[in-house]
Structure formats: structure tokens, C-alpha cells
Amino acid sequence: MRILFVGDIVGKGGRNTVNLLVPKLLREYSCQFCVANGENMAGGGGFTRQCLLELSNSGVDVFTSGDHIWDQKDFVEEIKKFPNVLRPANMADCQPGRGYGVFSSVDDKKVGVLCLLGRTFMAASANCPFEAAERIVPEMRKETPIIVVDFHAEATSEKIAMARFLDGKVSAVVGTHTHVPTADQQILPGGTAFQCDLGMVGARESVLGRDIAPVISRFRTGMPSRFTVNDKGIRLNGAVVTIDDNGRAGGIERVMRDIL
């Protein structure tokens, strides 16, 4: 099977682009499943019920998240209504929602999706992602050998270490969070596809999806600036991974599309 992965969706422009392009990409690459990181979809930070409803026919099967999962306060309750939205599995167990699940593809294959949050250079509090993966992956493998991981982390070293740790145990480890796509797509020796960061669905003329001037001002002056989302000239970044019935990846291909 083939799975389409979509990088961090930023703001309204990102949502509109996902609605427009994901159905086309699923057809173009003959994908049966789609995972997208959505934690920046609501004005650049977090999820809302309305944003998710806007994307209900986009073709995205599962939305993963990261350190901005609770930026919109109402979503603490709303997440319970969206079983296809995953918070990081290594957050405290008392937090609402779930961090992993097994879902059905369009051809009725079972796909396990695990969301993890890194700890290096990250402000959000999280438990050890390696311990969480070591505990959860064997449970998921009882249901399906096809398991994919979104590791939402800042440090490339932490992402690479996670991919090596899970090599041969999961089908793919893809990184999110930095909004910048990396050029290190590869199949590891054990058959796990890996890319450090998928990138984002956000404005090309921006700093990580935000208007340029206020970000430069913050760096130059050290003074607070409001980072507004740029919703024009959107680029979708992602990847397509090919996986066999035993859960081994046979290929990973970078995806990039622009909206003028």
C-alpha cells in the first residue's frame, strides 16, 4: 500500500490547500491512506472543531499533533469527539484524547498510527518518547504490521535516534515540527522509511508560515511581536511511503506542490 504524509498544516491557507490538493495527490500516487500533522491549523496554533469539520472531506484519515495540541482551550473537550486526532502518546495519561490508534484504509487494511513528542529543545512537558514507543509498538503489532510514527521534535539527532531505535519495528518514522523539509529520505536497514522533517503546508514567502517582518523584528530587537499567519502562496510539503503487507517500506518519495 501507499501512504501520503502531509507536513504541519498552517492556518486557513494550509487548510484550503489540503482540501484542494490532498484528494488529487491521493489519486496521483495511488495512495490508500493519509496522515497529516494538523497542530497549526487554527490560526497557526492548535485545533478547533470548526477547522476539523472544514477538513472532513479532504482525504486525510488521521491528524497528528505536537506541542501546540492544547493552544485552543476549547479543544480539551472537543478532542473527545474526534477519534482520528492524536495527541502525543508520551504526554501525561491524564490528558484527554489518545496518542495512537489502528485505523482502516480505503482497501480495508489496518494501519497503526503513533504520535510522539520530542524533548530536546522543546518547551512542552513530555515523558520519554523512547519508553512510550517501546511500550506501545508491540501492542499495535498485535493488530497490524503496518505502523507509522509522526515524531514531532526539534532536534534532528533525536529524530534520527528514534528512527534507528524503531528500525524494523515500524513501517515509517517521519518528523514534523520544524516546518522545513529535509532531504534525507531513506529506507533504513530494517525496512523502515525515514525523513527527519516533512516540512509544512504554509506560505512560501514567510518565516515558518508567519509574516516575515514581525519575525525579523523579534530577532533584531528581542521585543515581543505578534506573529500573524500568511495565508497566501501556499506550498504543500509531504512524502509518499510504499509499504508491503509485512510492514516493510519499499520506498519513500518527497512531495511538493505549490498554490499560486
Protein backbone atom coordinates (compact mmCIF):
# COMPACT_ATOMS: atom_id res chain seq x y z
CA MET A 1 0.00 0.00 0.00
CA ARG A 2 0.95 3.65 -0.25
CA ILE A 3 0.52 6.25 2.47
CA LEU A 4 0.59 10.01 1.92
CA PHE A 5 2.13 12.04 4.75
CA VAL A 6 1.46 15.78 4.93
CA GLY A 7 3.57 18.25 6.90
CA ASP A 8 2.34 20.75 9.50
CA ILE A 9 -0.85 22.47 8.25
CA VAL A 10 -0.56 26.21 8.98
CA GLY A 11 -3.67 28.38 9.21
CA LYS A 12 -6.55 28.90 6.80
CA GLY A 13 -4.29 28.86 3.75
CA GLY A 14 -2.95 25.48 4.81
CA ARG A 15 -6.44 24.10 5.38
CA ASN A 16 -7.68 25.32 1.98
CA THR A 17 -4.64 23.82 0.28
CA VAL A 18 -5.13 20.45 1.96
CA ASN A 19 -8.75 20.41 0.79
CA LEU A 20 -7.67 21.25 -2.74
CA LEU A 21 -4.54 19.13 -3.17
CA VAL A 22 -4.77 16.04 -0.95
CA PRO A 23 -7.55 14.36 -2.98
CA LYS A 24 -5.51 14.96 -6.15
CA LEU A 25 -2.31 13.62 -4.57
CA LEU A 26 -4.08 10.51 -3.29
CA ARG A 27 -5.17 9.77 -6.85
CA GLU A 28 -1.85 10.73 -8.46
CA TYR A 29 0.22 8.48 -6.18
CA SER A 30 -2.45 5.76 -5.79
CA CYS A 31 -2.43 6.16 -2.00
CA GLN A 32 -4.87 4.30 0.23
CA PHE A 33 -4.27 6.29 3.43
CA CYS A 34 -3.25 9.78 4.53
CA VAL A 35 -1.71 11.14 7.74
CA ALA A 36 -1.31 14.90 8.27
CA ASN A 37 0.06 16.92 11.16
CA GLY A 38 -2.61 19.49 11.98
CA GLU A 39 -1.43 21.18 15.14
CA ASN A 40 -1.02 24.62 13.50
CA MET A 41 -4.27 24.58 11.54
CA ALA A 42 -6.21 27.01 13.79
CA GLY A 43 -4.72 30.45 13.24
CA GLY A 44 -1.23 28.99 13.44
CA GLY A 45 -1.68 27.20 16.77
CA GLY A 46 -3.81 24.22 17.77
CA PHE A 47 -7.05 22.63 16.58
CA THR A 48 -10.68 23.64 16.68
CA ARG A 49 -13.82 21.68 15.94
CA GLN A 50 -14.68 24.01 13.07
CA CYS A 51 -11.25 23.63 11.44
CA LEU A 52 -11.50 19.85 11.58
CA LEU A 53 -15.01 19.92 10.11
CA GLU A 54 -13.67 22.01 7.22
CA LEU A 55 -11.23 19.16 6.50
CA SER A 56 -13.69 16.30 6.95
CA ASN A 57 -13.77 15.57 3.20
CA SER A 58 -10.12 16.35 2.49
CA GLY A 59 -8.98 12.73 2.32
CA VAL A 60 -6.88 12.95 5.49
CA ASP A 61 -7.58 9.86 7.60
CA VAL A 62 -5.61 10.77 10.73
CA PHE A 63 -4.41 14.09 12.13
CA THR A 64 -1.34 14.01 14.37
CA SER A 65 -0.16 16.85 16.59
CA GLY A 66 2.59 18.05 18.91
CA ASP A 67 3.43 20.74 21.42
CA HIS A 68 0.58 23.05 20.27
CA ILE A 69 -2.16 20.46 20.76
CA TRP A 70 -3.85 22.48 23.56
CA ASP A 71 -3.31 26.03 22.21
CA GLN A 72 -7.07 26.38 21.65
CA LYS A 73 -8.59 25.94 25.12
CA ASP A 74 -11.93 24.53 23.93
CA PHE A 75 -10.18 21.64 22.23
CA VAL A 76 -9.51 20.00 25.58
CA GLU A 77 -13.16 18.91 25.42
CA GLU A 78 -13.60 18.86 21.64
CA ILE A 79 -10.86 16.28 21.04
CA LYS A 80 -13.11 13.61 22.55
CA LYS A 81 -15.37 13.93 19.50
CA PHE A 82 -12.54 13.32 17.02
CA PRO A 83 -11.08 9.80 17.36
CA ASN A 84 -8.88 10.42 14.31
CA VAL A 85 -6.99 13.26 16.05
CA LEU A 86 -3.98 12.04 18.04
CA ARG A 87 -2.21 13.92 20.80
CA PRO A 88 1.37 12.85 21.60
CA ALA A 89 1.27 9.44 23.28
CA ASN A 90 4.06 10.36 25.70
CA MET A 91 2.12 13.19 27.32
CA ALA A 92 0.62 12.53 30.74
CA ASP A 93 -2.00 9.78 30.72
CA CYS A 94 -4.47 12.10 32.46
CA GLN A 95 -4.63 14.34 29.38
CA PRO A 96 -7.71 13.85 27.16
CA GLY A 97 -7.59 12.07 23.84
CA ARG A 98 -5.26 9.30 22.76
CA GLY A 99 -1.80 9.10 21.25
CA TYR A 100 -2.15 6.14 18.93
CA GLY A 101 -4.70 4.01 17.18
CA VAL A 102 -5.33 1.44 14.48
CA PHE A 103 -7.37 2.68 11.53
CA SER A 104 -8.77 1.19 8.31
CA SER A 105 -7.55 2.26 4.88
CA VAL A 106 -9.81 2.56 1.83
CA ASP A 107 -8.94 -1.04 0.91
CA ASP A 108 -9.64 -2.25 4.47
CA LYS A 109 -6.05 -2.73 5.53
CA LYS A 110 -5.24 -1.90 9.14
CA VAL A 111 -2.82 0.98 9.66
CA GLY A 112 -1.38 1.81 13.08
CA VAL A 113 -0.53 5.47 13.70
CA LEU A 114 1.56 6.63 16.67
CA CYS A 115 2.19 10.27 17.59
CA LEU A 116 5.20 11.13 19.77
CA LEU A 117 6.66 14.39 21.09
CA GLY A 118 10.38 15.05 21.36
CA ARG A 119 12.01 16.53 24.46
CA THR A 120 15.25 18.12 23.19
CA PHE A 121 14.86 21.91 22.82
CA MET A 122 11.09 21.57 23.29
CA ALA A 123 9.14 23.69 25.78
CA ALA A 124 6.20 21.32 26.22
CA SER A 125 6.40 18.77 29.00
CA ALA A 126 6.52 15.15 27.88
CA ASN A 127 7.62 11.77 29.14
CA CYS A 128 10.36 9.81 27.40
CA PRO A 129 9.26 9.12 23.79
CA PHE A 130 11.56 6.10 23.53
CA GLU A 131 9.94 4.43 26.52
CA ALA A 132 6.50 5.20 25.12
CA ALA A 133 7.39 3.73 21.72
CA GLU A 134 8.92 0.63 23.32
CA ARG A 135 5.70 0.05 25.25
CA ILE A 136 3.13 0.91 22.57
CA VAL A 137 4.57 -0.52 19.34
CA PRO A 138 4.39 -4.20 20.44
CA GLU A 139 0.74 -3.67 21.37
CA MET A 140 -0.02 -2.20 17.95
CA ARG A 141 1.83 -5.02 16.18
CA LYS A 142 -0.69 -7.47 17.63
CA GLU A 143 -3.25 -5.86 15.29
CA THR A 144 -1.17 -4.89 12.26
CA PRO A 145 2.42 -4.92 10.96
CA ILE A 146 1.81 -1.60 9.18
CA ILE A 147 2.68 1.07 11.76
CA VAL A 148 3.72 4.66 11.07
CA VAL A 149 5.09 7.21 13.54
CA ASP A 150 4.92 11.01 13.50
CA PHE A 151 7.75 12.17 15.75
CA HIS A 152 7.13 15.85 16.45
CA ALA A 153 10.53 17.10 17.54
CA GLU A 154 13.06 19.90 17.11
CA ALA A 155 16.42 18.14 17.13
CA THR A 156 17.44 16.16 14.05
CA SER A 157 19.60 13.95 16.26
CA GLU A 158 16.61 12.95 18.39
CA LYS A 159 14.58 12.16 15.27
CA ILE A 160 17.34 10.08 13.71
CA ALA A 161 17.85 8.23 17.00
CA MET A 162 14.13 7.42 17.17
CA ALA A 163 14.12 6.13 13.61
CA ARG A 164 17.14 3.90 14.31
CA PHE A 165 15.55 2.73 17.56
CA LEU A 166 12.37 1.70 15.71
CA ASP A 167 14.02 0.37 12.55
CA GLY A 168 12.45 -2.95 11.65
CA LYS A 169 9.69 -2.46 14.23
CA VAL A 170 7.58 0.10 12.35
CA SER A 171 6.99 0.88 8.68
CA ALA A 172 7.87 4.58 8.76
CA VAL A 173 9.11 7.33 11.07
CA VAL A 174 8.50 10.85 9.76
CA GLY A 175 9.42 14.02 11.59
CA THR A 176 7.37 17.19 11.95
CA HIS A 177 7.63 20.50 13.86
CA THR A 178 10.41 22.49 12.15
CA HIS A 179 8.26 23.36 9.08
CA VAL A 180 11.34 22.92 6.86
CA PRO A 181 11.51 19.76 4.68
CA THR A 182 14.72 17.78 4.92
CA ALA A 183 16.42 15.98 2.03
CA ASP A 184 17.25 12.76 3.89
CA GLN A 185 14.52 10.40 2.70
CA GLN A 186 15.76 6.85 3.10
CA ILE A 187 14.91 3.24 3.86
CA LEU A 188 16.82 2.06 6.92
CA PRO A 189 18.40 -1.44 7.00
CA GLY A 190 15.47 -2.98 8.87
CA GLY A 191 12.92 -1.75 6.31
CA THR A 192 11.71 1.44 7.99
CA ALA A 193 11.19 4.57 5.87
CA PHE A 194 12.50 7.78 7.40
CA GLN A 195 12.56 11.54 6.83
CA CYS A 196 13.72 13.99 9.51
CA ASP A 197 11.03 16.55 8.71
CA LEU A 198 8.20 16.65 6.21
CA GLY A 199 8.00 20.44 6.16
CA MET A 200 4.72 22.36 6.24
CA VAL A 201 1.63 23.34 4.30
CA GLY A 202 2.29 27.06 4.54
CA ALA A 203 3.28 30.22 2.71
CA ARG A 204 6.43 30.18 0.63
CA GLU A 205 7.02 33.89 1.36
CA SER A 206 7.10 33.57 5.13
CA VAL A 207 9.13 32.51 8.14
CA LEU A 208 7.69 29.11 9.02
CA GLY A 209 4.28 30.22 7.76
CA ARG A 210 4.25 33.57 9.57
CA ASP A 211 4.57 37.08 8.12
CA ILE A 212 8.23 37.94 7.69
CA ALA A 213 8.52 41.44 9.19
CA PRO A 214 7.40 40.72 12.78
CA VAL A 215 9.65 37.66 12.99
CA ILE A 216 12.67 39.67 11.87
CA SER A 217 11.73 42.38 14.38
CA ARG A 218 11.68 39.84 17.22
CA PHE A 219 15.13 38.55 16.25
CA ARG A 220 16.59 42.05 15.80
CA THR A 221 15.15 43.74 18.88
CA GLY A 222 14.27 40.96 21.30
CA MET A 223 10.92 42.68 21.82
CA PRO A 224 7.55 40.90 21.63
CA SER A 225 5.90 40.79 18.21
CA ARG A 226 2.61 39.31 17.09
CA PHE A 227 3.33 36.53 14.60
CA THR A 228 0.49 36.59 12.06
CA VAL A 229 -0.06 33.73 9.62
CA ASN A 230 0.48 34.37 5.93
CA ASP A 231 -2.33 32.58 4.06
CA LYS A 232 -1.20 33.33 0.50
CA GLY A 233 1.10 31.50 -1.91
CA ILE A 234 0.93 28.15 -0.12
CA ARG A 235 3.28 25.21 -0.65
CA LEU A 236 2.33 21.69 0.44
CA ASN A 237 5.22 19.52 1.59
CA GLY A 238 4.98 15.85 2.39
CA ALA A 239 6.04 12.36 1.38
CA VAL A 240 4.64 9.14 -0.02
CA VAL A 241 5.77 5.84 1.50
CA THR A 242 5.25 2.45 -0.13
CA ILE A 243 4.74 -0.42 2.34
CA ASP A 244 4.30 -4.16 1.75
CA ASP A 245 1.87 -6.45 3.57
CA ASN A 246 4.56 -7.39 6.08
CA GLY A 247 5.01 -3.78 7.10
CA ARG A 248 8.35 -3.20 5.37
CA ALA A 249 8.81 0.02 3.45
CA GLY A 250 9.95 -0.27 -0.14
CA GLY A 251 10.27 3.40 -0.97
CA ILE A 252 9.83 6.97 0.20
CA GLU A 253 9.34 9.91 -2.15
CA ARG A 254 9.25 13.60 -1.35
CA VAL A 255 6.10 15.52 -2.38
CA MET A 256 5.96 19.27 -3.01
CA ARG A 257 3.12 21.24 -4.63
CA ASP A 258 2.55 25.00 -4.88
CA ILE A 259 -0.66 27.01 -4.92
CA LEU A 260 -0.21 30.31 -6.76
